[in-house]
Amino acid sequence: MNLYHGISDVILALIGLYVFFRYLVPLEFTSTILWESFVLSVVAAATFGALGFFGWEKGASISQFFQGLAAINGGIGLIGGSAALVFNKDISTFGSFGIITVGFILFILYAIFNIEQIGFWVPTVSMLLVLLIGIVGMIRGKIMVGLWIVVGVTFFALGTFRNALFGESDFNISLYHLLLAGGVLSLGMANAYSRKLMLH
């Protein structure tokens, strides 16, 4: 049992649920499913992770499954969701499900066929593309939307490379949860500012 890691996972799960219901559910369905492919996978990973840290042995392995799903399928979904947000484009149902399908195929190749390079390259490339989309958003005049996307990606990058940046320590697990929570909340804020722009 590790109480601190469990609590930080609970915080992550609660923030993920808040962002989902407060900022993502009101979106068009085709955009919601792209964002939720990442956010709800993070919520599931954090929930089972917390159960694992609180003593349920199977929790850790289930959490790892959803972590991979968030990083790969969710990473692909973030690209589509961020692009739709920045360019004010409603992606078609076919397009949204096509993006999610690509993410699932990549996840299957990683999880079942053990193509481990996918586990590194897909999240890394996804972060870079989402970062680029955020920068383009700022250039196009959607400054706060783009800025929050960039801030979110920065949180994710800090969490991903935390050991290299901050050194290895037991606290890094809780730090990862909190950085990820900051990233998820930032994506929610990007969607909030986008809605404000549309209303005005």
Protein backbone atom coordinates (compact mmCIF):
# COMPACT_ATOMS: atom_id res chain seq x y z
CA MET A 1 0.00 0.00 0.00
CA ASN A 2 1.20 3.50 -0.83
CA LEU A 3 -1.20 6.13 0.47
CA TYR A 4 0.39 9.16 -1.22
CA HIS A 5 0.50 7.60 -4.69
CA GLY A 6 -3.08 6.42 -4.25
CA ILE A 7 -4.27 9.90 -3.24
CA SER A 8 -2.52 11.54 -6.21
CA ASP A 9 -4.17 8.98 -8.51
CA VAL A 10 -7.56 9.81 -6.98
CA ILE A 11 -6.90 13.51 -7.62
CA LEU A 12 -6.06 12.71 -11.24
CA ALA A 13 -9.22 10.63 -11.67
CA LEU A 14 -11.45 13.34 -10.15
CA ILE A 15 -9.95 16.09 -12.31
CA GLY A 16 -10.39 13.89 -15.38
CA LEU A 17 -14.07 13.33 -14.56
CA TYR A 18 -14.55 17.04 -13.90
CA VAL A 19 -13.01 17.98 -17.26
CA PHE A 20 -15.06 15.33 -19.06
CA PHE A 21 -18.44 16.37 -17.67
CA ARG A 22 -17.75 20.12 -17.46
CA TYR A 23 -15.94 20.76 -20.74
CA LEU A 24 -16.17 17.76 -23.06
CA VAL A 25 -19.73 16.48 -22.81
CA PRO A 26 -21.20 19.78 -24.16
CA LEU A 27 -19.13 19.46 -27.36
CA GLU A 28 -20.36 17.93 -30.60
CA PHE A 29 -20.39 14.15 -30.23
CA THR A 30 -17.71 13.70 -32.88
CA SER A 31 -15.33 15.93 -30.92
CA THR A 32 -16.28 14.49 -27.55
CA ILE A 33 -15.30 10.95 -28.52
CA LEU A 34 -11.87 12.15 -29.64
CA TRP A 35 -11.14 13.93 -26.36
CA GLU A 36 -12.69 11.19 -24.22
CA SER A 37 -10.49 8.53 -25.84
CA PHE A 38 -7.69 10.15 -23.86
CA VAL A 39 -9.41 11.63 -20.81
CA LEU A 40 -11.59 8.64 -19.86
CA SER A 41 -8.67 6.25 -20.38
CA VAL A 42 -6.65 8.41 -17.98
CA VAL A 43 -9.54 8.34 -15.50
CA ALA A 44 -9.74 4.54 -15.71
CA ALA A 45 -5.96 4.18 -15.36
CA ALA A 46 -5.93 6.50 -12.34
CA THR A 47 -8.90 4.78 -10.70
CA PHE A 48 -7.43 1.29 -10.97
CA GLY A 49 -4.00 2.68 -10.13
CA ALA A 50 -5.37 4.12 -6.90
CA LEU A 51 -6.99 0.78 -6.06
CA GLY A 52 -3.63 -0.88 -6.68
CA PHE A 53 -1.81 1.55 -4.40
CA PHE A 54 -4.49 1.04 -1.75
CA GLY A 55 -3.83 -2.69 -1.77
CA TRP A 56 -5.83 -4.39 -4.55
CA GLU A 57 -3.26 -6.49 -6.37
CA LYS A 58 -5.01 -6.62 -9.75
CA GLY A 59 -5.40 -2.85 -9.83
CA ALA A 60 -1.86 -2.19 -11.05
CA SER A 61 -2.07 -4.46 -14.10
CA ILE A 62 -5.48 -3.09 -15.13
CA SER A 63 -4.13 0.43 -14.70
CA GLN A 64 -1.20 -0.36 -17.00
CA PHE A 65 -3.63 -1.50 -19.69
CA PHE A 66 -5.50 1.81 -19.58
CA GLN A 67 -2.24 3.77 -19.42
CA GLY A 68 -1.24 2.21 -22.72
CA LEU A 69 -4.70 2.89 -24.15
CA ALA A 70 -4.49 6.56 -23.10
CA ALA A 71 -0.98 7.00 -24.48
CA ILE A 72 -1.63 5.39 -27.86
CA ASN A 73 -5.32 5.52 -28.74
CA GLY A 74 -5.82 8.63 -26.63
CA GLY A 75 -2.76 10.26 -28.15
CA ILE A 76 -4.21 9.83 -31.63
CA GLY A 77 -7.55 11.15 -30.39
CA LEU A 78 -5.87 14.26 -28.97
CA ILE A 79 -4.45 15.11 -32.39
CA GLY A 80 -7.91 15.02 -33.96
CA GLY A 81 -9.60 16.81 -31.07
CA SER A 82 -6.99 19.57 -30.93
CA ALA A 83 -7.12 20.10 -34.69
CA ALA A 84 -10.92 20.35 -34.64
CA LEU A 85 -10.70 22.83 -31.76
CA VAL A 86 -8.09 25.10 -33.33
CA PHE A 87 -9.48 25.09 -36.87
CA ASN A 88 -13.17 25.26 -35.83
CA LYS A 89 -14.00 22.19 -37.88
CA ASP A 90 -16.69 19.70 -36.96
CA ILE A 91 -15.20 16.33 -37.84
CA SER A 92 -17.64 13.95 -39.47
CA THR A 93 -18.79 10.84 -37.64
CA PHE A 94 -16.87 8.75 -40.17
CA GLY A 95 -13.75 10.85 -39.61
CA SER A 96 -13.95 10.66 -35.81
CA PHE A 97 -14.46 6.92 -35.73
CA GLY A 98 -11.74 6.56 -38.36
CA ILE A 99 -9.28 8.37 -36.09
CA ILE A 100 -10.29 6.25 -33.09
CA THR A 101 -9.98 3.08 -35.20
CA VAL A 102 -6.42 3.99 -36.19
CA GLY A 103 -5.64 4.49 -32.51
CA PHE A 104 -7.11 1.11 -31.56
CA ILE A 105 -5.18 -0.66 -34.33
CA LEU A 106 -1.93 0.87 -33.11
CA PHE A 107 -2.80 -0.10 -29.53
CA ILE A 108 -3.52 -3.69 -30.57
CA LEU A 109 -0.19 -3.86 -32.40
CA TYR A 110 1.50 -2.62 -29.24
CA ALA A 111 -0.39 -4.64 -26.63
CA ILE A 112 -1.00 -7.93 -28.43
CA PHE A 113 1.78 -8.12 -30.99
CA ASN A 114 4.37 -6.55 -28.66
CA ILE A 115 5.57 -3.88 -31.09
CA GLU A 116 7.14 -1.85 -28.29
CA GLN A 117 8.32 1.00 -30.53
CA ILE A 118 4.68 2.06 -30.86
CA GLY A 119 4.56 2.63 -27.11
CA PHE A 120 7.31 5.24 -27.44
CA TRP A 121 6.79 6.83 -30.83
CA VAL A 122 3.01 7.29 -30.90
CA PRO A 123 2.82 9.28 -27.63
CA THR A 124 5.95 11.25 -28.53
CA VAL A 125 4.79 12.15 -32.03
CA SER A 126 1.28 12.87 -30.72
CA MET A 127 2.65 15.35 -28.17
CA LEU A 128 4.74 17.07 -30.84
CA LEU A 129 1.79 17.35 -33.25
CA VAL A 130 -0.58 18.62 -30.55
CA LEU A 131 2.09 21.14 -29.50
CA LEU A 132 2.35 22.30 -33.12
CA ILE A 133 -1.43 22.58 -33.37
CA GLY A 134 -1.47 24.71 -30.23
CA ILE A 135 1.19 27.03 -31.66
CA VAL A 136 -0.75 27.31 -34.91
CA GLY A 137 -3.82 28.19 -32.85
CA MET A 138 -1.99 31.10 -31.24
CA ILE A 139 -0.74 32.28 -34.63
CA ARG A 140 -4.30 32.15 -35.99
CA GLY A 141 -5.48 34.43 -33.17
CA LYS A 142 -6.94 31.80 -30.82
CA ILE A 143 -4.29 32.78 -28.30
CA MET A 144 -5.78 31.36 -25.08
CA VAL A 145 -6.99 28.18 -26.77
CA GLY A 146 -3.57 27.54 -28.30
CA LEU A 147 -1.78 28.55 -25.10
CA TRP A 148 -3.76 26.13 -22.95
CA ILE A 149 -3.04 23.33 -25.44
CA VAL A 150 0.68 24.15 -25.27
CA VAL A 151 0.54 24.26 -21.46
CA GLY A 152 -1.22 20.89 -21.42
CA VAL A 153 1.38 19.28 -23.67
CA THR A 154 4.12 20.78 -21.49
CA PHE A 155 2.62 19.09 -18.43
CA PHE A 156 2.45 15.77 -20.31
CA ALA A 157 6.05 16.09 -21.49
CA LEU A 158 7.28 16.91 -17.98
CA GLY A 159 5.43 13.87 -16.67
CA THR A 160 6.69 11.57 -19.41
CA PHE A 161 10.34 12.57 -18.99
CA ARG A 162 10.20 13.26 -15.25
CA ASN A 163 12.98 10.84 -14.31
CA ALA A 164 15.41 12.41 -16.76
CA LEU A 165 14.43 15.92 -15.70
CA PHE A 166 14.07 15.59 -11.95
CA GLY A 167 16.03 12.44 -11.16
CA GLU A 168 14.62 9.14 -9.99
CA SER A 169 12.78 9.11 -6.69
CA ASP A 170 9.72 7.49 -5.17
CA PHE A 171 7.90 10.83 -5.26
CA ASN A 172 8.10 10.86 -9.07
CA ILE A 173 5.09 8.56 -9.27
CA SER A 174 2.88 11.06 -7.44
CA LEU A 175 4.52 13.88 -9.41
CA TYR A 176 3.54 12.13 -12.64
CA HIS A 177 -0.08 11.89 -11.51
CA LEU A 178 -0.19 15.58 -10.59
CA LEU A 179 1.48 16.71 -13.83
CA LEU A 180 -0.93 14.59 -15.83
CA ALA A 181 -3.82 16.13 -13.89
CA GLY A 182 -2.51 19.58 -14.79
CA GLY A 183 -2.35 18.59 -18.44
CA VAL A 184 -5.89 17.22 -18.49
CA LEU A 185 -7.23 20.36 -16.79
CA SER A 186 -5.37 22.51 -19.33
CA LEU A 187 -7.10 20.70 -22.19
CA GLY A 188 -10.40 21.38 -20.50
CA MET A 189 -9.53 25.08 -20.28
CA ALA A 190 -8.64 25.12 -23.99
CA ASN A 191 -12.13 23.84 -24.79
CA ALA A 192 -13.67 26.35 -22.37
CA TYR A 193 -11.96 29.29 -24.09
CA SER A 194 -12.93 27.96 -27.50
CA ARG A 195 -16.60 27.98 -26.46
CA LYS A 196 -16.26 31.55 -25.19
CA LEU A 197 -14.90 32.62 -28.58
CA MET A 198 -17.79 30.93 -30.36
CA LEU A 199 -20.34 32.67 -28.09
CA HIS A 200 -18.81 36.05 -28.83
